[in-house]
Amino acid sequence: MNPPINGVATSITAFIGSALRGPTELPGSVNSFADFERLYGGLWAQSTLGYAVQQFFLNGGSQALIVRVEGDGVGAAILRSRAVDCGVVRAALQRERAG
């Protein structure tokens, strides 16, 4: 007999991208689009991050971890890959789940 497959939360996710303001390089937790607007500046035509976060909450998301990077050049791309490769986002998600 196979063990049951454990369910995982799908209402929590992480986003990495550029925003108008807010902390950089470390994940920040937001529980609504209003939180995102207050901390990261909301919608911004030069980045898709705000639009993605907005749609996440409009479609039932309950919590998002945001890793803000500055710029769109090579440095930002390296930071994005390091954040994922080093488990920064994964560790933050685990801390959030542990409460």
PDB file of N, CA and C in Angstrom:
ATOM      1  N   MET A   1       0.839  -1.186   0.000  1.00  0.00           N
ATOM      2  CA  MET A   1       0.000   0.000   0.000  1.00  0.00           C
ATOM      3  C   MET A   1       0.884   1.249   0.000  1.00  0.00           C
ATOM      4  N   ASN A   2       0.594   2.155  -0.873  1.00  0.00           N
ATOM      5  CA  ASN A   2       1.360   3.406  -0.981  1.00  0.00           C
ATOM      6  C   ASN A   2       0.905   4.396   0.075  1.00  0.00           C
ATOM      7  N   PRO A   3       1.870   5.121   0.663  1.00  0.00           N
ATOM      8  CA  PRO A   3       1.472   6.155   1.626  1.00  0.00           C
ATOM      9  C   PRO A   3       0.730   7.279   0.912  1.00  0.00           C
ATOM     10  N   PRO A   4      -0.171   7.970   1.618  1.00  0.00           N
ATOM     11  CA  PRO A   4      -0.897   9.080   0.984  1.00  0.00           C
ATOM     12  C   PRO A   4       0.043  10.225   0.638  1.00  0.00           C
ATOM     13  N   ILE A   5      -0.318  10.970  -0.382  1.00  0.00           N
ATOM     14  CA  ILE A   5       0.451  12.146  -0.780  1.00  0.00           C
ATOM     15  C   ILE A   5      -0.018  13.316   0.067  1.00  0.00           C
ATOM     16  N   ASN A   6       0.916  13.942   0.741  1.00  0.00           N
ATOM     17  CA  ASN A   6       0.580  15.092   1.576  1.00  0.00           C
ATOM     18  C   ASN A   6       0.295  16.310   0.713  1.00  0.00           C
ATOM     19  N   GLY A   7      -0.729  17.030   1.073  1.00  0.00           N
ATOM     20  CA  GLY A   7      -1.052  18.267   0.371  1.00  0.00           C
ATOM     21  C   GLY A   7      -0.109  19.383   0.782  1.00  0.00           C
ATOM     22  N   VAL A   8       0.062  20.350  -0.090  1.00  0.00           N
ATOM     23  CA  VAL A   8       0.878  21.522   0.209  1.00  0.00           C
ATOM     24  C   VAL A   8       0.057  22.773  -0.065  1.00  0.00           C
ATOM     25  N   ALA A   9       0.390  23.823   0.639  1.00  0.00           N
ATOM     26  CA  ALA A   9      -0.317  25.090   0.454  1.00  0.00           C
ATOM     27  C   ALA A   9      -0.032  25.662  -0.927  1.00  0.00           C
ATOM     28  N   THR A  10      -1.066  26.074  -1.613  1.00  0.00           N
ATOM     29  CA  THR A  10      -0.891  26.725  -2.910  1.00  0.00           C
ATOM     30  C   THR A  10      -1.247  28.203  -2.836  1.00  0.00           C
ATOM     31  N   SER A  11      -1.588  28.668  -1.643  1.00  0.00           N
ATOM     32  CA  SER A  11      -1.948  30.072  -1.499  1.00  0.00           C
ATOM     33  C   SER A  11      -0.760  30.920  -1.049  1.00  0.00           C
ATOM     34  N   ILE A  12       0.433  30.307  -0.967  1.00  0.00           N
ATOM     35  CA  ILE A  12       1.656  31.021  -0.610  1.00  0.00           C
ATOM     36  C   ILE A  12       2.651  30.834  -1.751  1.00  0.00           C
ATOM     37  N   THR A  13       3.287  31.911  -2.162  1.00  0.00           N
ATOM     38  CA  THR A  13       4.305  31.812  -3.217  1.00  0.00           C
ATOM     39  C   THR A  13       5.371  32.876  -3.012  1.00  0.00           C
ATOM     40  N   ALA A  14       6.391  32.819  -3.820  1.00  0.00           N
ATOM     41  CA  ALA A  14       7.471  33.810  -3.754  1.00  0.00           C
ATOM     42  C   ALA A  14       7.638  34.467  -5.116  1.00  0.00           C
ATOM     43  N   PHE A  15       7.969  35.748  -5.106  1.00  0.00           N
ATOM     44  CA  PHE A  15       8.206  36.522  -6.324  1.00  0.00           C
ATOM     45  C   PHE A  15       9.577  37.180  -6.215  1.00  0.00           C
ATOM     46  N   ILE A  16      10.304  37.218  -7.320  1.00  0.00           N
ATOM     47  CA  ILE A  16      11.591  37.901  -7.381  1.00  0.00           C
ATOM     48  C   ILE A  16      11.526  38.882  -8.543  1.00  0.00           C
ATOM     49  N   GLY A  17      11.793  40.165  -8.283  1.00  0.00           N
ATOM     50  CA  GLY A  17      11.742  41.135  -9.362  1.00  0.00           C
ATOM     51  C   GLY A  17      12.035  42.546  -8.892  1.00  0.00           C
ATOM     52  N   SER A  18      11.856  43.491  -9.797  1.00  0.00           N
ATOM     53  CA  SER A  18      12.113  44.909  -9.525  1.00  0.00           C
ATOM     54  C   SER A  18      10.850  45.589  -9.038  1.00  0.00           C
ATOM     55  N   ALA A  19      11.013  46.499  -8.099  1.00  0.00           N
ATOM     56  CA  ALA A  19       9.904  47.300  -7.572  1.00  0.00           C
ATOM     57  C   ALA A  19      10.395  48.719  -7.340  1.00  0.00           C
ATOM     58  N   LEU A  20       9.452  49.632  -7.158  1.00  0.00           N
ATOM     59  CA  LEU A  20       9.791  51.041  -6.963  1.00  0.00           C
ATOM     60  C   LEU A  20      10.611  51.291  -5.704  1.00  0.00           C
ATOM     61  N   ARG A  21      10.315  50.553  -4.637  1.00  0.00           N
ATOM     62  CA  ARG A  21      11.010  50.760  -3.363  1.00  0.00           C
ATOM     63  C   ARG A  21      10.908  49.483  -2.533  1.00  0.00           C
ATOM     64  N   GLY A  22      11.496  49.531  -1.367  1.00  0.00           N
ATOM     65  CA  GLY A  22      11.427  48.402  -0.449  1.00  0.00           C
ATOM     66  C   GLY A  22      12.771  47.762  -0.218  1.00  0.00           C
ATOM     67  N   PRO A  23      12.815  46.836   0.740  1.00  0.00           N
ATOM     68  CA  PRO A  23      14.077  46.167   1.045  1.00  0.00           C
ATOM     69  C   PRO A  23      14.563  45.338  -0.138  1.00  0.00           C
ATOM     70  N   THR A  24      15.863  45.210  -0.274  1.00  0.00           N
ATOM     71  CA  THR A  24      16.433  44.432  -1.379  1.00  0.00           C
ATOM     72  C   THR A  24      17.167  43.213  -0.833  1.00  0.00           C
ATOM     73  N   GLU A  25      17.253  42.204  -1.667  1.00  0.00           N
ATOM     74  CA  GLU A  25      18.031  40.990  -1.468  1.00  0.00           C
ATOM     75  C   GLU A  25      17.467  40.014  -0.446  1.00  0.00           C
ATOM     76  N   LEU A  26      16.662  40.448   0.498  1.00  0.00           N
ATOM     77  CA  LEU A  26      16.080  39.548   1.489  1.00  0.00           C
ATOM     78  C   LEU A  26      14.573  39.488   1.291  1.00  0.00           C
ATOM     79  N   PRO A  27      13.971  38.331   1.471  1.00  0.00           N
ATOM     80  CA  PRO A  27      12.523  38.217   1.264  1.00  0.00           C
ATOM     81  C   PRO A  27      11.728  38.983   2.315  1.00  0.00           C
ATOM     82  N   GLY A  28      10.683  39.644   1.849  1.00  0.00           N
ATOM     83  CA  GLY A  28       9.726  40.289   2.731  1.00  0.00           C
ATOM     84  C   GLY A  28       8.373  39.635   2.527  1.00  0.00           C
ATOM     85  N   SER A  29       7.601  39.520   3.572  1.00  0.00           N
ATOM     86  CA  SER A  29       6.304  38.855   3.501  1.00  0.00           C
ATOM     87  C   SER A  29       5.179  39.881   3.396  1.00  0.00           C
ATOM     88  N   VAL A  30       4.241  39.656   2.478  1.00  0.00           N
ATOM     89  CA  VAL A  30       3.047  40.490   2.361  1.00  0.00           C
ATOM     90  C   VAL A  30       1.812  39.589   2.363  1.00  0.00           C
ATOM     91  N   ASN A  31       0.743  40.066   2.975  1.00  0.00           N
ATOM     92  CA  ASN A  31      -0.485  39.284   3.089  1.00  0.00           C
ATOM     93  C   ASN A  31      -1.630  39.833   2.254  1.00  0.00           C
ATOM     94  N   SER A  32      -1.367  40.888   1.490  1.00  0.00           N
ATOM     95  CA  SER A  32      -2.382  41.471   0.615  1.00  0.00           C
ATOM     96  C   SER A  32      -1.682  42.367  -0.398  1.00  0.00           C
ATOM     97  N   PHE A  33      -2.421  42.738  -1.453  1.00  0.00           N
ATOM     98  CA  PHE A  33      -1.828  43.662  -2.420  1.00  0.00           C
ATOM     99  C   PHE A  33      -1.621  45.032  -1.783  1.00  0.00           C
ATOM    100  N   ALA A  34      -2.486  45.399  -0.822  1.00  0.00           N
ATOM    101  CA  ALA A  34      -2.306  46.668  -0.104  1.00  0.00           C
ATOM    102  C   ALA A  34      -0.974  46.676   0.644  1.00  0.00           C
ATOM    103  N   ASP A  35      -0.592  45.546   1.246  1.00  0.00           N
ATOM    104  CA  ASP A  35       0.725  45.438   1.887  1.00  0.00           C
ATOM    105  C   ASP A  35       1.834  45.657   0.866  1.00  0.00           C
ATOM    106  N   PHE A  36       1.688  45.017  -0.304  1.00  0.00           N
ATOM    107  CA  PHE A  36       2.698  45.159  -1.357  1.00  0.00           C
ATOM    108  C   PHE A  36       2.817  46.621  -1.791  1.00  0.00           C
ATOM    109  N   GLU A  37       1.671  47.285  -1.968  1.00  0.00           N
ATOM    110  CA  GLU A  37       1.692  48.698  -2.375  1.00  0.00           C
ATOM    111  C   GLU A  37       2.419  49.551  -1.337  1.00  0.00           C
ATOM    112  N   ARG A  38       2.116  49.300  -0.079  1.00  0.00           N
ATOM    113  CA  ARG A  38       2.716  50.082   0.999  1.00  0.00           C
ATOM    114  C   ARG A  38       4.224  49.860   1.081  1.00  0.00           C
ATOM    115  N   LEU A  39       4.662  48.612   0.965  1.00  0.00           N
ATOM    116  CA  LEU A  39       6.079  48.301   1.139  1.00  0.00           C
ATOM    117  C   LEU A  39       6.916  48.461  -0.125  1.00  0.00           C
ATOM    118  N   TYR A  40       6.326  48.107  -1.289  1.00  0.00           N
ATOM    119  CA  TYR A  40       7.120  48.035  -2.520  1.00  0.00           C
ATOM    120  C   TYR A  40       6.678  49.021  -3.610  1.00  0.00           C
ATOM    121  N   GLY A  41       5.624  49.772  -3.367  1.00  0.00           N
ATOM    122  CA  GLY A  41       5.250  50.821  -4.300  1.00  0.00           C
ATOM    123  C   GLY A  41       4.136  50.486  -5.274  1.00  0.00           C
ATOM    124  N   GLY A  42       3.612  49.269  -5.270  1.00  0.00           N
ATOM    125  CA  GLY A  42       2.480  48.929  -6.127  1.00  0.00           C
ATOM    126  C   GLY A  42       2.858  48.683  -7.573  1.00  0.00           C
ATOM    127  N   LEU A  43       1.916  48.970  -8.457  1.00  0.00           N
ATOM    128  CA  LEU A  43       2.119  48.742  -9.890  1.00  0.00           C
ATOM    129  C   LEU A  43       3.149  49.716 -10.446  1.00  0.00           C
ATOM    130  N   TRP A  44       3.971  49.227 -11.340  1.00  0.00           N
ATOM    131  CA  TRP A  44       5.032  50.032 -11.942  1.00  0.00           C
ATOM    132  C   TRP A  44       5.215  49.552 -13.369  1.00  0.00           C
ATOM    133  N   ALA A  45       5.061  50.445 -14.336  1.00  0.00           N
ATOM    134  CA  ALA A  45       5.099  50.072 -15.753  1.00  0.00           C
ATOM    135  C   ALA A  45       6.434  49.458 -16.178  1.00  0.00           C
ATOM    136  N   GLN A  46       7.500  49.721 -15.446  1.00  0.00           N
ATOM    137  CA  GLN A  46       8.820  49.216 -15.831  1.00  0.00           C
ATOM    138  C   GLN A  46       9.121  47.813 -15.291  1.00  0.00           C
ATOM    139  N   SER A  47       8.166  47.214 -14.579  1.00  0.00           N
ATOM    140  CA  SER A  47       8.382  45.877 -14.024  1.00  0.00           C
ATOM    141  C   SER A  47       7.055  45.127 -13.967  1.00  0.00           C
ATOM    142  N   THR A  48       7.112  43.841 -14.192  1.00  0.00           N
ATOM    143  CA  THR A  48       5.893  43.021 -14.119  1.00  0.00           C
ATOM    144  C   THR A  48       5.631  42.499 -12.709  1.00  0.00           C
ATOM    145  N   LEU A  49       6.536  42.738 -11.779  1.00  0.00           N
ATOM    146  CA  LEU A  49       6.391  42.200 -10.429  1.00  0.00           C
ATOM    147  C   LEU A  49       5.067  42.605  -9.778  1.00  0.00           C
ATOM    148  N   GLY A  50       4.766  43.893  -9.763  1.00  0.00           N
ATOM    149  CA  GLY A  50       3.539  44.371  -9.124  1.00  0.00           C
ATOM    150  C   GLY A  50       2.291  43.774  -9.744  1.00  0.00           C
ATOM    151  N   TYR A  51       2.277  43.635 -11.057  1.00  0.00           N
ATOM    152  CA  TYR A  51       1.122  43.059 -11.745  1.00  0.00           C
ATOM    153  C   TYR A  51       0.950  41.589 -11.377  1.00  0.00           C
ATOM    154  N   ALA A  52       2.064  40.855 -11.281  1.00  0.00           N
ATOM    155  CA  ALA A  52       2.007  39.440 -10.910  1.00  0.00           C
ATOM    156  C   ALA A  52       1.494  39.279  -9.479  1.00  0.00           C
ATOM    157  N   VAL A  53       1.977  40.116  -8.571  1.00  0.00           N
ATOM    158  CA  VAL A  53       1.539  40.049  -7.177  1.00  0.00           C
ATOM    159  C   VAL A  53       0.055  40.418  -7.088  1.00  0.00           C
ATOM    160  N   GLN A  54      -0.361  41.431  -7.822  1.00  0.00           N
ATOM    161  CA  GLN A  54      -1.767  41.827  -7.822  1.00  0.00           C
ATOM    162  C   GLN A  54      -2.658  40.671  -8.279  1.00  0.00           C
ATOM    163  N   GLN A  55      -2.287  40.015  -9.364  1.00  0.00           N
ATOM    164  CA  GLN A  55      -3.079  38.893  -9.878  1.00  0.00           C
ATOM    165  C   GLN A  55      -3.081  37.717  -8.905  1.00  0.00           C
ATOM    166  N   PHE A  56      -1.972  37.486  -8.254  1.00  0.00           N
ATOM    167  CA  PHE A  56      -1.889  36.417  -7.255  1.00  0.00           C
ATOM    168  C   PHE A  56      -2.946  36.623  -6.180  1.00  0.00           C
ATOM    169  N   PHE A  57      -3.044  37.832  -5.637  1.00  0.00           N
ATOM    170  CA  PHE A  57      -4.024  38.090  -4.580  1.00  0.00           C
ATOM    171  C   PHE A  57      -5.451  38.129  -5.124  1.00  0.00           C
ATOM    172  N   LEU A  58      -5.635  38.633  -6.333  1.00  0.00           N
ATOM    173  CA  LEU A  58      -6.979  38.628  -6.929  1.00  0.00           C
ATOM    174  C   LEU A  58      -7.494  37.217  -7.173  1.00  0.00           C
ATOM    175  N   ASN A  59      -6.577  36.261  -7.336  1.00  0.00           N
ATOM    176  CA  ASN A  59      -6.964  34.882  -7.607  1.00  0.00           C
ATOM    177  C   ASN A  59      -6.894  33.993  -6.366  1.00  0.00           C
ATOM    178  N   GLY A  60      -6.974  34.596  -5.190  1.00  0.00           N
ATOM    179  CA  GLY A  60      -7.099  33.814  -3.968  1.00  0.00           C
ATOM    180  C   GLY A  60      -5.826  33.586  -3.179  1.00  0.00           C
ATOM    181  N   GLY A  61      -4.705  34.135  -3.614  1.00  0.00           N
ATOM    182  CA  GLY A  61      -3.473  33.986  -2.848  1.00  0.00           C
ATOM    183  C   GLY A  61      -3.605  34.646  -1.490  1.00  0.00           C
ATOM    184  N   SER A  62      -2.929  34.076  -0.503  1.00  0.00           N
ATOM    185  CA  SER A  62      -3.053  34.636   0.841  1.00  0.00           C
ATOM    186  C   SER A  62      -1.755  35.215   1.385  1.00  0.00           C
ATOM    187  N   GLN A  63      -0.612  34.761   0.870  1.00  0.00           N
ATOM    188  CA  GLN A  63       0.652  35.281   1.361  1.00  0.00           C
ATOM    189  C   GLN A  63       1.699  35.176   0.259  1.00  0.00           C
ATOM    190  N   ALA A  64       2.497  36.222   0.124  1.00  0.00           N
ATOM    191  CA  ALA A  64       3.572  36.232  -0.872  1.00  0.00           C
ATOM    192  C   ALA A  64       4.862  36.689  -0.216  1.00  0.00           C
ATOM    193  N   LEU A  65       5.935  36.039  -0.607  1.00  0.00           N
ATOM    194  CA  LEU A  65       7.262  36.486  -0.216  1.00  0.00           C
ATOM    195  C   LEU A  65       7.855  37.227  -1.399  1.00  0.00           C
ATOM    196  N   ILE A  66       8.366  38.420  -1.149  1.00  0.00           N
ATOM    197  CA  ILE A  66       8.878  39.277  -2.208  1.00  0.00           C
ATOM    198  C   ILE A  66      10.386  39.439  -2.024  1.00  0.00           C
ATOM    199  N   VAL A  67      11.142  39.134  -3.078  1.00  0.00           N
ATOM    200  CA  VAL A  67      12.574  39.420  -3.084  1.00  0.00           C
ATOM    201  C   VAL A  67      12.775  40.501  -4.135  1.00  0.00           C
ATOM    202  N   ARG A  68      13.051  41.711  -3.680  1.00  0.00           N
ATOM    203  CA  ARG A  68      13.222  42.841  -4.595  1.00  0.00           C
ATOM    204  C   ARG A  68      14.677  42.936  -5.027  1.00  0.00           C
ATOM    205  N   VAL A  69      14.870  43.070  -6.319  1.00  0.00           N
ATOM    206  CA  VAL A  69      16.203  43.319  -6.862  1.00  0.00           C
ATOM    207  C   VAL A  69      16.169  44.655  -7.579  1.00  0.00           C
ATOM    208  N   GLU A  70      17.298  45.318  -7.608  1.00  0.00           N
ATOM    209  CA  GLU A  70      17.383  46.613  -8.278  1.00  0.00           C
ATOM    210  C   GLU A  70      18.008  46.438  -9.642  1.00  0.00           C
ATOM    211  N   GLY A  71      17.411  47.056 -10.633  1.00  0.00           N
ATOM    212  CA  GLY A  71      17.954  47.043 -11.983  1.00  0.00           C
ATOM    213  C   GLY A  71      17.563  45.811 -12.774  1.00  0.00           C
ATOM    214  N   ASP A  72      17.834  45.866 -14.059  1.00  0.00           N
ATOM    215  CA  ASP A  72      17.503  44.766 -14.950  1.00  0.00           C
ATOM    216  C   ASP A  72      18.733  44.190 -15.632  1.00  0.00           C
ATOM    217  N   GLY A  73      19.915  44.615 -15.214  1.00  0.00           N
ATOM    218  CA  GLY A  73      21.135  44.178 -15.886  1.00  0.00           C
ATOM    219  C   GLY A  73      21.639  42.835 -15.408  1.00  0.00           C
ATOM    220  N   VAL A  74      22.869  42.563 -15.723  1.00  0.00           N
ATOM    221  CA  VAL A  74      23.499  41.291 -15.386  1.00  0.00           C
ATOM    222  C   VAL A  74      23.536  41.083 -13.880  1.00  0.00           C
ATOM    223  N   GLY A  75      23.834  42.145 -13.121  1.00  0.00           N
ATOM    224  CA  GLY A  75      23.894  42.023 -11.663  1.00  0.00           C
ATOM    225  C   GLY A  75      22.581  41.564 -11.067  1.00  0.00           C
ATOM    226  N   ALA A  76      21.481  42.115 -11.557  1.00  0.00           N
ATOM    227  CA  ALA A  76      20.168  41.712 -11.061  1.00  0.00           C
ATOM    228  C   ALA A  76      19.884  40.263 -11.422  1.00  0.00           C
ATOM    229  N   ALA A  77      20.260  39.852 -12.609  1.00  0.00           N
ATOM    230  CA  ALA A  77      20.042  38.464 -13.020  1.00  0.00           C
ATOM    231  C   ALA A  77      20.848  37.507 -12.149  1.00  0.00           C
ATOM    232  N   ILE A  78      22.076  37.884 -11.831  1.00  0.00           N
ATOM    233  CA  ILE A  78      22.900  37.043 -10.958  1.00  0.00           C
ATOM    234  C   ILE A  78      22.280  36.957  -9.570  1.00  0.00           C
ATOM    235  N   LEU A  79      21.801  38.087  -9.053  1.00  0.00           N
ATOM    236  CA  LEU A  79      21.175  38.086  -7.742  1.00  0.00           C
ATOM    237  C   LEU A  79      19.936  37.210  -7.743  1.00  0.00           C
ATOM    238  N   ARG A  80      19.125  37.297  -8.804  1.00  0.00           N
ATOM    239  CA  ARG A  80      17.934  36.457  -8.885  1.00  0.00           C
ATOM    240  C   ARG A  80      18.323  34.981  -8.818  1.00  0.00           C
ATOM    241  N   SER A  81      19.315  34.582  -9.600  1.00  0.00           N
ATOM    242  CA  SER A  81      19.694  33.176  -9.616  1.00  0.00           C
ATOM    243  C   SER A  81      20.313  32.765  -8.289  1.00  0.00           C
ATOM    244  N   ARG A  82      21.085  33.624  -7.657  1.00  0.00           N
ATOM    245  CA  ARG A  82      21.673  33.290  -6.361  1.00  0.00           C
ATOM    246  C   ARG A  82      20.598  33.144  -5.294  1.00  0.00           C
ATOM    247  N   ALA A  83      19.577  34.022  -5.329  1.00  0.00           N
ATOM    248  CA  ALA A  83      18.506  33.936  -4.335  1.00  0.00           C
ATOM    249  C   ALA A  83      17.834  32.575  -4.405  1.00  0.00           C
ATOM    250  N   VAL A  84      17.609  32.076  -5.605  1.00  0.00           N
ATOM    251  CA  VAL A  84      16.968  30.784  -5.764  1.00  0.00           C
ATOM    252  C   VAL A  84      17.968  29.668  -5.486  1.00  0.00           C
ATOM    253  N   ASP A  85      19.169  29.741  -6.074  1.00  0.00           N
ATOM    254  CA  ASP A  85      20.170  28.692  -5.906  1.00  0.00           C
ATOM    255  C   ASP A  85      20.582  28.510  -4.449  1.00  0.00           C
ATOM    256  N   CYS A  86      20.695  29.577  -3.716  1.00  0.00           N
ATOM    257  CA  CYS A  86      21.150  29.483  -2.328  1.00  0.00           C
ATOM    258  C   CYS A  86      20.020  29.140  -1.364  1.00  0.00           C
ATOM    259  N   GLY A  87      18.827  29.052  -1.863  1.00  0.00           N
ATOM    260  CA  GLY A  87      17.712  28.670  -1.008  1.00  0.00           C
ATOM    261  C   GLY A  87      17.167  29.800  -0.161  1.00  0.00           C
ATOM    262  N   VAL A  88      17.480  31.051  -0.489  1.00  0.00           N
ATOM    263  CA  VAL A  88      16.981  32.171   0.306  1.00  0.00           C
ATOM    264  C   VAL A  88      15.464  32.150   0.360  1.00  0.00           C
ATOM    265  N   VAL A  89      14.841  32.000  -0.785  1.00  0.00           N
ATOM    266  CA  VAL A  89      13.382  31.996  -0.830  1.00  0.00           C
ATOM    267  C   VAL A  89      12.840  30.748  -0.149  1.00  0.00           C
ATOM    268  N   ARG A  90      13.453  29.599  -0.406  1.00  0.00           N
ATOM    269  CA  ARG A  90      12.992  28.352   0.205  1.00  0.00           C
ATOM    270  C   ARG A  90      13.057  28.451   1.729  1.00  0.00           C
ATOM    271  N   ALA A  91      14.147  28.977   2.256  1.00  0.00           N
ATOM    272  CA  ALA A  91      14.297  29.107   3.701  1.00  0.00           C
ATOM    273  C   ALA A  91      13.238  30.046   4.275  1.00  0.00           C
ATOM    274  N   ALA A  92      12.967  31.134   3.565  1.00  0.00           N
ATOM    275  CA  ALA A  92      11.946  32.078   4.037  1.00  0.00           C
ATOM    276  C   ALA A  92      10.573  31.430   4.034  1.00  0.00           C
ATOM    277  N   LEU A  93      10.269  30.650   3.006  1.00  0.00           N
ATOM    278  CA  LEU A  93       8.995  29.942   2.963  1.00  0.00           C
ATOM    279  C   LEU A  93       8.877  28.969   4.128  1.00  0.00           C
ATOM    280  N   GLN A  94       9.948  28.264   4.444  1.00  0.00           N
ATOM    281  CA  GLN A  94       9.917  27.318   5.547  1.00  0.00           C
ATOM    282  C   GLN A  94       9.703  28.040   6.875  1.00  0.00           C
ATOM    283  N   ARG A  95      10.344  29.204   7.058  1.00  0.00           N
ATOM    284  CA  ARG A  95      10.135  29.985   8.280  1.00  0.00           C
ATOM    285  C   ARG A  95       8.688  30.436   8.393  1.00  0.00           C
ATOM    286  N   GLU A  96       8.096  30.886   7.275  1.00  0.00           N
ATOM    287  CA  GLU A  96       6.715  31.348   7.282  1.00  0.00           C
ATOM    288  C   GLU A  96       5.763  30.205   7.619  1.00  0.00           C
ATOM    289  N   ARG A  97       6.008  29.029   7.067  1.00  0.00           N
ATOM    290  CA  ARG A  97       5.144  27.871   7.348  1.00  0.00           C
ATOM    291  C   ARG A  97       5.238  27.447   8.804  1.00  0.00           C
ATOM    292  N   ALA A  98       6.434  27.555   9.380  1.00  0.00           N
ATOM    293  CA  ALA A  98       6.636  27.139  10.760  1.00  0.00           C
ATOM    294  C   ALA A  98       5.940  28.092  11.731  1.00  0.00           C
ATOM    295  N   GLY A  99       5.684  29.323  11.241  1.00  0.00           N
ATOM    296  CA  GLY A  99       4.947  30.310  12.031  1.00  0.00           C
ATOM    297  C   GLY A  99       5.766  30.883  13.106  1.00  0.00           C
TER     298      GLY A  99
END
